[in-house]
């Protein structure tokens, strides 16, 4: 029996704590950084100066205007792949800056 007389799975307790302390956005941002490296590879990752998750948008600061144009052309596919990794429609837009 649990401490308060009610047993809960550990995953459920952790999710409740994450939501209670409003950490979901920060955890999603950490995952975003990891997924970005995996999906885009070392060259594009090296040209990425910063990634920010703001609500349902990802702001991507790039070091090279040519890279920005190239990624803009593949925006739909990148968005699709990121959402596959998150397992949901977490990201609605990519903004290249």
Protein backbone atom coordinates (compact mmCIF):
# COMPACT_ATOMS: atom_id res chain seq x y z
CA UNK A 1 0.00 0.00 0.00
CA UNK A 2 1.25 3.51 -0.80
CA UNK A 3 2.14 6.19 1.70
CA UNK A 4 -1.26 7.81 1.50
CA UNK A 5 -3.13 4.56 1.08
CA UNK A 6 -3.28 4.80 -2.73
CA UNK A 7 -0.78 3.18 -5.07
CA UNK A 8 -0.07 4.75 -8.45
CA UNK A 9 2.31 3.81 -11.24
CA UNK A 10 5.55 5.77 -11.10
CA UNK A 11 5.07 7.15 -14.64
CA UNK A 12 1.69 8.59 -13.67
CA UNK A 13 3.15 10.23 -10.55
CA UNK A 14 6.02 11.73 -12.56
CA UNK A 15 3.61 13.10 -15.18
CA UNK A 16 1.49 14.66 -12.43
CA UNK A 17 4.57 16.30 -10.91
CA UNK A 18 5.75 17.57 -14.32
CA UNK A 19 2.33 19.11 -14.93
CA UNK A 20 2.04 20.50 -11.40
CA UNK A 21 5.40 22.26 -11.64
CA UNK A 22 4.76 23.32 -15.27
CA UNK A 23 7.86 21.58 -16.59
CA UNK A 24 6.29 20.03 -19.70
CA UNK A 25 7.43 22.85 -22.01
CA UNK A 26 11.04 22.67 -20.83
CA UNK A 27 11.14 18.90 -21.15
CA UNK A 28 9.70 19.16 -24.66
CA UNK A 29 12.42 21.71 -25.50
CA UNK A 30 15.14 19.31 -24.30
CA UNK A 31 13.60 16.58 -26.47
CA UNK A 32 13.45 19.01 -29.39
CA UNK A 33 17.20 19.63 -29.17
CA UNK A 34 17.91 15.90 -29.10
CA UNK A 35 15.55 15.15 -32.00
CA UNK A 36 16.90 18.05 -34.06
CA UNK A 37 20.41 16.61 -33.85
CA UNK A 38 19.20 13.14 -34.82
CA UNK A 39 16.92 14.23 -37.65
CA UNK A 40 19.01 16.95 -39.25
CA UNK A 41 22.49 15.48 -38.93
CA UNK A 42 25.79 17.07 -37.93
CA UNK A 43 26.11 19.63 -40.75
CA UNK A 44 22.73 21.26 -40.26
CA UNK A 45 23.06 20.95 -36.50
CA UNK A 46 26.40 22.80 -36.72
CA UNK A 47 24.67 25.60 -38.63
CA UNK A 48 21.92 25.86 -36.02
CA UNK A 49 22.74 28.54 -33.48
CA UNK A 50 19.67 28.12 -31.26
CA UNK A 51 16.33 26.33 -30.97
CA UNK A 52 13.47 27.71 -28.92
CA UNK A 53 10.10 26.12 -28.24
CA UNK A 54 7.41 28.76 -27.75
CA UNK A 55 4.02 27.18 -27.34
CA UNK A 56 3.37 25.30 -30.56
CA UNK A 57 6.10 27.09 -32.54
CA UNK A 58 9.78 26.34 -32.88
CA UNK A 59 12.10 29.27 -33.50
CA UNK A 60 15.30 28.20 -35.23
CA UNK A 61 18.22 30.61 -35.44
CA UNK A 62 20.58 29.64 -38.26
CA UNK A 63 24.07 30.91 -39.02
CA UNK A 64 23.73 30.86 -42.79
CA UNK A 65 21.03 32.45 -45.03
CA UNK A 66 21.49 29.69 -47.62
CA UNK A 67 20.80 27.06 -44.97
CA UNK A 68 17.72 29.01 -43.90
CA UNK A 69 16.40 28.97 -47.48
CA UNK A 70 17.11 25.26 -47.86
CA UNK A 71 15.31 24.39 -44.63
CA UNK A 72 12.41 26.67 -45.52
CA UNK A 73 11.86 24.57 -48.65
CA UNK A 74 11.71 21.39 -46.54
CA UNK A 75 9.68 22.95 -43.71
CA UNK A 76 6.64 20.68 -44.11
CA UNK A 77 8.74 17.51 -44.06
CA UNK A 78 10.80 18.71 -41.07
CA UNK A 79 7.63 19.57 -39.17
CA UNK A 80 6.19 16.15 -39.97
CA UNK A 81 9.33 14.35 -38.78
CA UNK A 82 9.54 16.34 -35.53
CA UNK A 83 5.92 15.57 -34.73
CA UNK A 84 6.53 11.87 -35.46
CA UNK A 85 9.29 11.94 -32.86
CA UNK A 86 7.05 13.68 -30.30
CA UNK A 87 4.28 11.19 -31.04
CA UNK A 88 1.68 13.93 -31.39
CA UNK A 89 0.96 17.22 -33.15
CA UNK A 90 2.98 19.17 -30.60
CA UNK A 91 4.62 21.53 -33.10
CA UNK A 92 2.43 23.55 -35.46
CA UNK A 93 4.99 25.88 -37.07
CA UNK A 94 8.72 26.34 -37.68
CA UNK A 95 10.09 29.86 -37.85
CA UNK A 96 13.57 30.30 -39.25
CA UNK A 97 15.38 33.39 -37.97
